[in-house]
């Protein structure tokens, strides 16, 4: 069974190979990582930009779009979950998000809490388009900051790290 899992992972990695379909990979990884699946998209964004610096803004835009659409999926999951599940649940997070409104979606990029915040925004019926706008702004700022920080690290350091891990 374990062989089948590793073969499946290798097959998926082959399909999403950065040099072949970099932007598609960035979009898919960014989308999936914004749903409630725990994974990060920054390594894929960095890898494509490191391979071709001229694609910086294109990759940032594609990653932001994919990650924002993943957040929209979370929003709608929360929206429809409230219709299905009793709406009597409440917490201090609910009142904080309601008080802050769509601007709270600027924090949708924060690891661990960001994706559930998008779901909770849908649950609370925060205004959709303003929530999506703030979500996209926060996610775009994260990608720009993280990528610029990673690009500032000398290539030699990455090569030593890769050699150490191999």
N, C-alpha and C. Protein backbone atom coordinates (compact mmCIF):
# COMPACT_ATOMS: atom_id res chain seq x y z
N UNK A 1 0.82 -1.20 0.00
CA UNK A 1 0.00 0.00 0.00
C UNK A 1 0.86 1.26 0.00
N UNK A 2 1.94 1.23 0.79
CA UNK A 2 2.80 2.40 0.88
C UNK A 2 3.44 2.70 -0.47
N UNK A 3 3.77 1.66 -1.22
CA UNK A 3 4.36 1.84 -2.54
C UNK A 3 3.38 2.57 -3.46
N UNK A 4 2.10 2.21 -3.37
CA UNK A 4 1.08 2.87 -4.18
C UNK A 4 0.94 4.34 -3.84
N UNK A 5 1.05 4.67 -2.57
CA UNK A 5 0.94 6.07 -2.16
C UNK A 5 2.12 6.86 -2.68
N UNK A 6 3.33 6.33 -2.52
CA UNK A 6 4.50 7.08 -2.99
C UNK A 6 4.51 7.16 -4.52
N UNK A 7 4.03 6.12 -5.20
CA UNK A 7 3.94 6.18 -6.66
C UNK A 7 2.92 7.24 -7.08
N UNK A 8 1.82 7.31 -6.34
CA UNK A 8 0.81 8.33 -6.63
C UNK A 8 1.33 9.74 -6.41
N UNK A 9 2.09 9.92 -5.34
CA UNK A 9 2.68 11.24 -5.06
C UNK A 9 3.67 11.60 -6.15
N UNK A 10 4.50 10.64 -6.56
CA UNK A 10 5.47 10.90 -7.62
C UNK A 10 4.77 11.23 -8.95
N UNK A 11 3.67 10.55 -9.23
CA UNK A 11 2.90 10.84 -10.44
C UNK A 11 2.37 12.27 -10.40
N UNK A 12 1.79 12.66 -9.24
CA UNK A 12 1.26 14.01 -9.10
C UNK A 12 2.36 15.05 -9.22
N UNK A 13 3.49 14.80 -8.58
CA UNK A 13 4.61 15.74 -8.69
C UNK A 13 5.11 15.84 -10.13
N UNK A 14 5.07 14.72 -10.86
CA UNK A 14 5.47 14.75 -12.27
C UNK A 14 4.54 15.62 -13.10
N UNK A 15 3.24 15.54 -12.81
CA UNK A 15 2.27 16.36 -13.53
C UNK A 15 2.45 17.83 -13.21
N UNK A 16 2.73 18.12 -11.94
CA UNK A 16 2.85 19.50 -11.50
C UNK A 16 4.29 20.01 -11.57
N UNK A 17 5.13 19.37 -12.35
CA UNK A 17 6.54 19.74 -12.41
C UNK A 17 6.67 21.22 -12.77
N UNK A 18 7.41 21.93 -11.97
CA UNK A 18 7.56 23.37 -12.11
C UNK A 18 8.03 23.79 -13.51
N UNK A 19 9.09 23.19 -14.08
CA UNK A 19 9.53 23.67 -15.40
C UNK A 19 8.50 23.47 -16.51
N UNK A 20 7.68 22.43 -16.40
CA UNK A 20 6.73 22.14 -17.47
C UNK A 20 5.49 23.01 -17.40
N UNK A 21 4.88 23.08 -16.26
CA UNK A 21 3.61 23.81 -16.11
C UNK A 21 3.63 24.67 -14.85
N UNK A 22 4.62 25.53 -14.75
CA UNK A 22 4.81 26.32 -13.55
C UNK A 22 3.61 27.11 -13.10
N UNK A 23 2.98 27.86 -13.99
CA UNK A 23 1.86 28.70 -13.59
C UNK A 23 0.64 27.87 -13.22
N UNK A 24 0.42 26.77 -13.93
CA UNK A 24 -0.70 25.88 -13.57
C UNK A 24 -0.45 25.29 -12.19
N UNK A 25 0.79 24.88 -11.94
CA UNK A 25 1.14 24.33 -10.64
C UNK A 25 0.93 25.35 -9.54
N UNK A 26 1.39 26.56 -9.77
CA UNK A 26 1.24 27.62 -8.78
C UNK A 26 -0.24 27.86 -8.50
N UNK A 27 -1.05 27.92 -9.54
CA UNK A 27 -2.48 28.15 -9.34
C UNK A 27 -3.10 27.03 -8.52
N UNK A 28 -2.86 25.77 -8.93
CA UNK A 28 -3.48 24.63 -8.25
C UNK A 28 -3.00 24.52 -6.80
N UNK A 29 -1.71 24.66 -6.58
CA UNK A 29 -1.18 24.56 -5.22
C UNK A 29 -1.70 25.70 -4.36
N UNK A 30 -1.75 26.90 -4.91
CA UNK A 30 -2.28 28.05 -4.16
C UNK A 30 -3.75 27.87 -3.84
N UNK A 31 -4.50 27.35 -4.78
CA UNK A 31 -5.93 27.11 -4.56
C UNK A 31 -6.14 26.09 -3.46
N UNK A 32 -5.49 24.94 -3.58
CA UNK A 32 -5.67 23.86 -2.61
C UNK A 32 -5.19 24.29 -1.23
N UNK A 33 -4.09 25.03 -1.17
CA UNK A 33 -3.56 25.42 0.14
C UNK A 33 -4.46 26.44 0.84
N UNK A 34 -5.33 27.10 0.11
CA UNK A 34 -6.24 28.08 0.72
C UNK A 34 -7.50 27.41 1.25
N UNK A 35 -7.76 26.20 0.83
CA UNK A 35 -8.89 25.48 1.41
C UNK A 35 -8.42 24.93 2.75
N UNK A 36 -9.19 24.10 3.35
CA UNK A 36 -8.83 23.61 4.68
C UNK A 36 -7.78 22.50 4.65
N UNK A 37 -7.14 22.29 3.49
CA UNK A 37 -6.06 21.31 3.37
C UNK A 37 -4.77 21.97 3.86
N UNK A 38 -4.10 21.37 4.84
CA UNK A 38 -2.91 22.03 5.41
C UNK A 38 -1.67 21.86 4.53
N UNK A 39 -1.38 22.84 3.72
CA UNK A 39 -0.17 22.87 2.92
C UNK A 39 0.14 24.31 2.58
N UNK A 40 1.36 24.58 2.20
CA UNK A 40 1.76 25.94 1.87
C UNK A 40 2.06 26.06 0.39
N UNK A 41 1.80 27.23 -0.14
CA UNK A 41 2.03 27.47 -1.56
C UNK A 41 3.30 28.29 -1.82
N UNK A 42 3.88 28.85 -0.78
CA UNK A 42 5.04 29.71 -0.96
C UNK A 42 6.22 29.03 -1.64
N UNK A 43 6.53 27.76 -1.32
CA UNK A 43 7.66 27.12 -2.04
C UNK A 43 7.45 27.04 -3.55
N UNK A 44 6.23 26.77 -3.99
CA UNK A 44 5.96 26.70 -5.43
C UNK A 44 6.09 28.09 -6.06
N UNK A 45 5.57 29.10 -5.38
CA UNK A 45 5.66 30.47 -5.89
C UNK A 45 7.13 30.87 -6.01
N UNK A 46 7.89 30.61 -4.96
CA UNK A 46 9.30 30.95 -4.95
C UNK A 46 10.06 30.20 -6.04
N UNK A 47 9.78 28.91 -6.22
CA UNK A 47 10.50 28.09 -7.21
C UNK A 47 10.30 28.62 -8.62
N UNK A 48 9.08 28.98 -8.96
CA UNK A 48 8.83 29.48 -10.31
C UNK A 48 9.49 30.84 -10.51
N UNK A 49 9.39 31.70 -9.52
CA UNK A 49 10.02 33.02 -9.65
C UNK A 49 11.54 32.90 -9.67
N UNK A 50 12.09 32.01 -8.86
CA UNK A 50 13.54 31.80 -8.86
C UNK A 50 14.01 31.28 -10.21
N UNK A 51 13.20 30.44 -10.85
CA UNK A 51 13.55 29.90 -12.16
C UNK A 51 13.47 30.96 -13.26
N UNK A 52 12.58 31.95 -13.08
CA UNK A 52 12.41 32.98 -14.10
C UNK A 52 11.93 34.27 -13.42
N UNK A 53 12.86 35.13 -13.06
CA UNK A 53 12.55 36.37 -12.36
C UNK A 53 11.61 37.29 -13.16
N UNK A 54 11.62 37.14 -14.46
CA UNK A 54 10.74 37.98 -15.30
C UNK A 54 9.27 37.67 -15.05
N UNK A 55 8.97 36.51 -14.48
CA UNK A 55 7.58 36.13 -14.21
C UNK A 55 7.09 36.58 -12.83
N UNK A 56 7.86 37.40 -12.13
CA UNK A 56 7.52 37.76 -10.75
C UNK A 56 6.06 38.18 -10.61
N UNK A 57 5.64 39.20 -11.33
CA UNK A 57 4.27 39.73 -11.16
C UNK A 57 3.22 38.76 -11.67
N UNK A 58 3.54 38.02 -12.72
CA UNK A 58 2.60 37.03 -13.25
C UNK A 58 2.36 35.93 -12.21
N UNK A 59 3.43 35.43 -11.62
CA UNK A 59 3.32 34.38 -10.62
C UNK A 59 2.58 34.88 -9.39
N UNK A 60 2.90 36.10 -8.94
CA UNK A 60 2.21 36.68 -7.78
C UNK A 60 0.71 36.78 -8.08
N UNK A 61 0.37 37.24 -9.29
CA UNK A 61 -1.05 37.38 -9.66
C UNK A 61 -1.74 36.01 -9.71
N UNK A 62 -1.09 35.02 -10.30
CA UNK A 62 -1.69 33.68 -10.41
C UNK A 62 -1.86 33.06 -9.03
N UNK A 63 -0.84 33.19 -8.18
CA UNK A 63 -0.92 32.64 -6.82
C UNK A 63 -2.01 33.35 -6.02
N UNK A 64 -2.09 34.66 -6.15
CA UNK A 64 -3.12 35.42 -5.44
C UNK A 64 -4.51 35.00 -5.90
N UNK A 65 -4.68 34.85 -7.21
CA UNK A 65 -5.97 34.42 -7.75
C UNK A 65 -6.34 33.04 -7.22
N UNK A 66 -5.43 32.09 -7.32
CA UNK A 66 -5.71 30.73 -6.85
C UNK A 66 -6.00 30.70 -5.36
N UNK A 67 -5.20 31.41 -4.57
CA UNK A 67 -5.38 31.41 -3.13
C UNK A 67 -6.68 32.12 -2.74
N UNK A 68 -7.01 33.18 -3.45
CA UNK A 68 -8.26 33.90 -3.16
C UNK A 68 -9.46 33.04 -3.53
N UNK A 69 -9.41 32.36 -4.67
CA UNK A 69 -10.52 31.48 -5.05
C UNK A 69 -10.68 30.33 -4.05
N UNK A 70 -9.57 29.84 -3.51
CA UNK A 70 -9.66 28.84 -2.45
C UNK A 70 -10.34 29.42 -1.22
N UNK A 71 -10.03 30.67 -0.89
CA UNK A 71 -10.70 31.35 0.22
C UNK A 71 -12.18 31.54 -0.04
N UNK A 72 -12.53 31.79 -1.30
CA UNK A 72 -13.94 31.92 -1.68
C UNK A 72 -14.67 30.59 -1.47
N UNK A 73 -14.00 29.48 -1.80
CA UNK A 73 -14.59 28.16 -1.54
C UNK A 73 -14.85 28.00 -0.05
N UNK A 74 -13.87 28.41 0.77
CA UNK A 74 -14.06 28.34 2.22
C UNK A 74 -15.25 29.20 2.65
N UNK A 75 -15.34 30.41 2.09
CA UNK A 75 -16.44 31.32 2.42
C UNK A 75 -17.79 30.64 2.15
N UNK A 76 -17.92 30.05 0.94
CA UNK A 76 -19.20 29.43 0.58
C UNK A 76 -19.47 28.17 1.38
N UNK A 77 -18.41 27.46 1.79
CA UNK A 77 -18.62 26.31 2.66
C UNK A 77 -19.24 26.78 3.98
N UNK A 78 -18.72 27.87 4.51
CA UNK A 78 -19.29 28.42 5.74
C UNK A 78 -20.69 28.94 5.55
N UNK A 79 -20.92 29.59 4.42
CA UNK A 79 -22.24 30.15 4.12
C UNK A 79 -23.30 29.05 4.10
N UNK A 80 -23.01 27.97 3.36
CA UNK A 80 -23.98 26.89 3.24
C UNK A 80 -24.02 26.00 4.48
N UNK A 81 -22.92 25.91 5.20
CA UNK A 81 -22.92 25.12 6.43
C UNK A 81 -23.89 25.72 7.44
N UNK A 82 -23.98 27.03 7.47
CA UNK A 82 -24.90 27.67 8.41
C UNK A 82 -26.35 27.34 8.05
N UNK A 83 -26.62 27.21 6.76
CA UNK A 83 -27.96 26.83 6.34
C UNK A 83 -28.29 25.41 6.76
N UNK A 84 -27.28 24.54 6.73
CA UNK A 84 -27.49 23.13 7.03
C UNK A 84 -27.45 22.87 8.54
N UNK A 85 -26.48 23.49 9.21
CA UNK A 85 -26.27 23.28 10.64
C UNK A 85 -27.05 24.35 11.41
N UNK A 86 -27.40 24.04 12.62
CA UNK A 86 -28.10 25.02 13.45
C UNK A 86 -27.26 26.28 13.59
N UNK A 87 -27.90 27.42 13.54
CA UNK A 87 -27.18 28.69 13.62
C UNK A 87 -27.02 29.18 15.04
N UNK A 88 -27.31 28.34 16.03
CA UNK A 88 -27.23 28.77 17.42
C UNK A 88 -25.82 28.80 17.99
N UNK A 89 -24.83 28.35 17.22
CA UNK A 89 -23.47 28.35 17.71
C UNK A 89 -22.91 29.76 17.71
N UNK A 90 -22.17 30.10 18.76
CA UNK A 90 -21.58 31.43 18.84
C UNK A 90 -20.28 31.33 19.61
N UNK A 91 -19.39 32.24 19.36
CA UNK A 91 -18.12 32.29 20.08
C UNK A 91 -17.61 33.72 20.05
N UNK A 92 -16.52 33.95 20.76
CA UNK A 92 -15.95 35.30 20.75
C UNK A 92 -15.37 35.62 19.37
N UNK A 93 -14.94 34.57 18.59
CA UNK A 93 -14.45 34.82 17.23
C UNK A 93 -15.57 35.37 16.35
N UNK A 94 -16.76 34.86 16.54
CA UNK A 94 -17.90 35.35 15.76
C UNK A 94 -18.08 36.84 15.99
N UNK A 95 -18.12 37.25 17.25
CA UNK A 95 -18.37 38.66 17.53
C UNK A 95 -17.21 39.53 17.04
N UNK A 96 -15.98 39.05 17.13
CA UNK A 96 -14.84 39.84 16.64
C UNK A 96 -14.91 40.00 15.12
N UNK A 97 -15.19 38.91 14.43
CA UNK A 97 -15.26 39.01 12.97
C UNK A 97 -16.44 39.87 12.54
N UNK A 98 -17.56 39.76 13.22
CA UNK A 98 -18.70 40.60 12.87
C UNK A 98 -18.38 42.07 13.11
N UNK A 99 -17.67 42.36 14.19
CA UNK A 99 -17.33 43.75 14.50
C UNK A 99 -16.36 44.32 13.46
N UNK A 100 -15.36 43.52 13.07
CA UNK A 100 -14.38 43.98 12.09
C UNK A 100 -14.92 43.94 10.67
N UNK A 101 -15.84 43.03 10.41
CA UNK A 101 -16.44 42.91 9.08
C UNK A 101 -15.46 42.40 8.05
N UNK A 102 -15.67 42.75 6.79
CA UNK A 102 -14.83 42.25 5.70
C UNK A 102 -13.34 42.57 5.87
N UNK A 103 -13.01 43.66 6.59
CA UNK A 103 -11.59 44.01 6.77
C UNK A 103 -10.82 42.91 7.50
N UNK A 104 -11.53 42.09 8.25
CA UNK A 104 -10.86 40.99 8.94
C UNK A 104 -10.25 40.01 7.96
N UNK A 105 -10.71 40.01 6.72
CA UNK A 105 -10.19 39.09 5.71
C UNK A 105 -8.79 39.47 5.25
N UNK A 106 -8.29 40.64 5.67
CA UNK A 106 -6.89 40.96 5.41
C UNK A 106 -5.98 39.93 6.08
N UNK A 107 -6.49 39.27 7.11
CA UNK A 107 -5.71 38.26 7.84
C UNK A 107 -5.97 36.84 7.33
N UNK A 108 -6.63 36.71 6.20
CA UNK A 108 -6.94 35.38 5.66
C UNK A 108 -5.69 34.61 5.26
N UNK A 109 -4.57 35.27 5.15
CA UNK A 109 -3.32 34.62 4.77
C UNK A 109 -2.59 33.98 5.95
N UNK A 110 -2.99 34.32 7.17
CA UNK A 110 -2.27 33.85 8.35
C UNK A 110 -2.38 32.33 8.48
N UNK A 111 -1.23 31.65 8.61
CA UNK A 111 -1.28 30.19 8.75
C UNK A 111 -2.15 29.77 9.94
N UNK A 112 -2.78 28.66 9.82
CA UNK A 112 -3.64 28.00 10.81
C UNK A 112 -4.99 28.68 10.96
N UNK A 113 -5.05 30.00 11.12
CA UNK A 113 -6.34 30.65 11.36
C UNK A 113 -6.97 31.26 10.12
N UNK A 114 -6.18 31.50 9.08
CA UNK A 114 -6.69 32.21 7.91
C UNK A 114 -7.80 31.49 7.17
N UNK A 115 -7.61 30.20 6.89
CA UNK A 115 -8.61 29.45 6.15
C UNK A 115 -9.91 29.30 6.95
N UNK A 116 -9.84 28.95 8.23
CA UNK A 116 -11.09 28.92 9.00
C UNK A 116 -11.76 30.30 9.11
N UNK A 117 -10.95 31.37 9.08
CA UNK A 117 -11.56 32.71 9.10
C UNK A 117 -12.42 32.94 7.87
N UNK A 118 -11.96 32.47 6.72
CA UNK A 118 -12.75 32.61 5.48
C UNK A 118 -14.06 31.84 5.60
N UNK A 119 -13.97 30.64 6.18
CA UNK A 119 -15.17 29.83 6.37
C UNK A 119 -16.12 30.53 7.34
N UNK A 120 -15.57 31.07 8.40
CA UNK A 120 -16.39 31.78 9.39
C UNK A 120 -17.00 33.04 8.80
N UNK A 121 -16.30 33.70 7.88
CA UNK A 121 -16.86 34.89 7.22
C UNK A 121 -18.12 34.52 6.44
N UNK A 122 -18.09 33.37 5.78
CA UNK A 122 -19.29 32.91 5.09
C UNK A 122 -20.39 32.55 6.06
N UNK A 123 -20.02 31.89 7.15
CA UNK A 123 -20.98 31.51 8.19
C UNK A 123 -21.69 32.75 8.72
N UNK A 124 -20.91 33.82 8.94
CA UNK A 124 -21.47 35.06 9.50
C UNK A 124 -22.13 35.94 8.45
N UNK A 125 -22.07 35.50 7.21
CA UNK A 125 -22.67 36.25 6.10
C UNK A 125 -22.06 37.66 5.95
N UNK A 126 -20.73 37.74 6.16
CA UNK A 126 -20.07 39.03 5.91
C UNK A 126 -20.27 39.36 4.43
N UNK A 127 -20.34 40.62 4.08
CA UNK A 127 -20.55 40.98 2.67
C UNK A 127 -19.50 40.31 1.77
N UNK A 128 -19.99 39.63 0.73
CA UNK A 128 -19.15 38.78 -0.09
C UNK A 128 -18.03 39.53 -0.81
N UNK A 129 -18.36 40.50 -1.66
CA UNK A 129 -17.34 41.14 -2.48
C UNK A 129 -16.32 41.93 -1.67
N UNK A 130 -16.73 42.67 -0.65
CA UNK A 130 -15.69 43.31 0.17
C UNK A 130 -14.79 42.28 0.86
N UNK A 131 -15.37 41.17 1.30
CA UNK A 131 -14.56 40.12 1.94
C UNK A 131 -13.55 39.55 0.95
N UNK A 132 -13.98 39.30 -0.28
CA UNK A 132 -13.08 38.77 -1.30
C UNK A 132 -11.98 39.79 -1.63
N UNK A 133 -12.35 41.05 -1.71
CA UNK A 133 -11.35 42.09 -2.00
C UNK A 133 -10.27 42.16 -0.93
N UNK A 134 -10.68 42.19 0.33
CA UNK A 134 -9.70 42.23 1.42
C UNK A 134 -8.89 40.93 1.48
N UNK A 135 -9.55 39.82 1.20
CA UNK A 135 -8.87 38.53 1.17
C UNK A 135 -7.75 38.57 0.13
N UNK A 136 -8.07 39.02 -1.08
CA UNK A 136 -7.10 39.08 -2.17
C UNK A 136 -5.95 40.04 -1.83
N UNK A 137 -6.27 41.18 -1.24
CA UNK A 137 -5.24 42.15 -0.88
C UNK A 137 -4.26 41.55 0.14
N UNK A 138 -4.79 40.93 1.18
CA UNK A 138 -3.93 40.32 2.20
C UNK A 138 -3.07 39.21 1.63
N UNK A 139 -3.66 38.37 0.79
CA UNK A 139 -2.92 37.25 0.20
C UNK A 139 -1.84 37.75 -0.76
N UNK A 140 -2.15 38.76 -1.54
CA UNK A 140 -1.17 39.33 -2.46
C UNK A 140 0.01 39.94 -1.69
N UNK A 141 -0.29 40.66 -0.63
CA UNK A 141 0.78 41.26 0.18
C UNK A 141 1.66 40.17 0.79
N UNK A 142 1.06 39.08 1.22
CA UNK A 142 1.84 37.97 1.77
C UNK A 142 2.78 37.39 0.73
N UNK A 143 2.26 37.12 -0.48
CA UNK A 143 3.10 36.55 -1.53
C UNK A 143 4.24 37.49 -1.90
N UNK A 144 3.96 38.78 -2.00
CA UNK A 144 5.02 39.73 -2.34
C UNK A 144 6.09 39.76 -1.25
N UNK A 145 5.67 39.81 0.01
CA UNK A 145 6.62 39.87 1.11
C UNK A 145 7.44 38.58 1.21
N UNK A 146 6.76 37.44 1.22
CA UNK A 146 7.46 36.16 1.37
C UNK A 146 8.43 35.92 0.21
N UNK A 147 7.99 36.21 -1.00
CA UNK A 147 8.85 35.96 -2.16
C UNK A 147 10.06 36.87 -2.14
N UNK A 148 9.86 38.14 -1.82
CA UNK A 148 11.00 39.06 -1.76
C UNK A 148 11.98 38.67 -0.66
N UNK A 149 11.49 38.21 0.46
CA UNK A 149 12.38 37.74 1.53
C UNK A 149 13.17 36.53 1.05
N UNK A 150 12.50 35.56 0.42
CA UNK A 150 13.18 34.36 -0.06
C UNK A 150 14.18 34.68 -1.18
N UNK A 151 13.84 35.64 -2.03
CA UNK A 151 14.76 36.02 -3.11
C UNK A 151 16.00 36.73 -2.57
N UNK A 152 15.89 37.32 -1.40
CA UNK A 152 17.02 38.03 -0.80
C UNK A 152 18.08 37.07 -0.25
N UNK A 153 17.70 35.82 -0.05
CA UNK A 153 18.65 34.81 0.45
C UNK A 153 19.55 34.41 -0.71
N UNK A 154 20.88 34.44 -0.50
CA UNK A 154 21.80 34.08 -1.59
C UNK A 154 21.58 32.65 -2.09
N UNK A 155 21.78 32.46 -3.40
CA UNK A 155 21.59 31.14 -4.02
C UNK A 155 22.47 30.08 -3.38
N UNK A 156 23.67 30.45 -3.00
CA UNK A 156 24.58 29.49 -2.39
C UNK A 156 24.00 28.85 -1.14
N UNK A 157 23.25 29.61 -0.40
CA UNK A 157 22.62 29.09 0.82
C UNK A 157 21.60 28.01 0.46
N UNK A 158 20.80 28.26 -0.57
CA UNK A 158 19.80 27.27 -1.00
C UNK A 158 20.49 26.00 -1.48
N UNK A 159 21.60 26.14 -2.21
CA UNK A 159 22.32 24.97 -2.71
C UNK A 159 22.89 24.15 -1.55
N UNK A 160 23.44 24.83 -0.54
CA UNK A 160 23.94 24.11 0.64
C UNK A 160 22.82 23.40 1.37
N UNK A 161 21.67 24.07 1.48
CA UNK A 161 20.52 23.44 2.15
C UNK A 161 20.07 22.21 1.39
N UNK A 162 19.98 22.32 0.06
CA UNK A 162 19.57 21.18 -0.77
C UNK A 162 20.56 20.03 -0.62
N UNK A 163 21.85 20.32 -0.59
CA UNK A 163 22.86 19.27 -0.42
C UNK A 163 22.76 18.63 0.96
N UNK A 164 22.47 19.41 1.96
CA UNK A 164 22.33 18.89 3.32
C UNK A 164 21.10 17.99 3.44
N UNK A 165 20.00 18.37 2.77
CA UNK A 165 18.76 17.58 2.84
C UNK A 165 18.84 16.32 2.00
N UNK A 166 19.67 16.33 0.96
CA UNK A 166 19.72 15.18 0.04
C UNK A 166 20.48 14.02 0.58
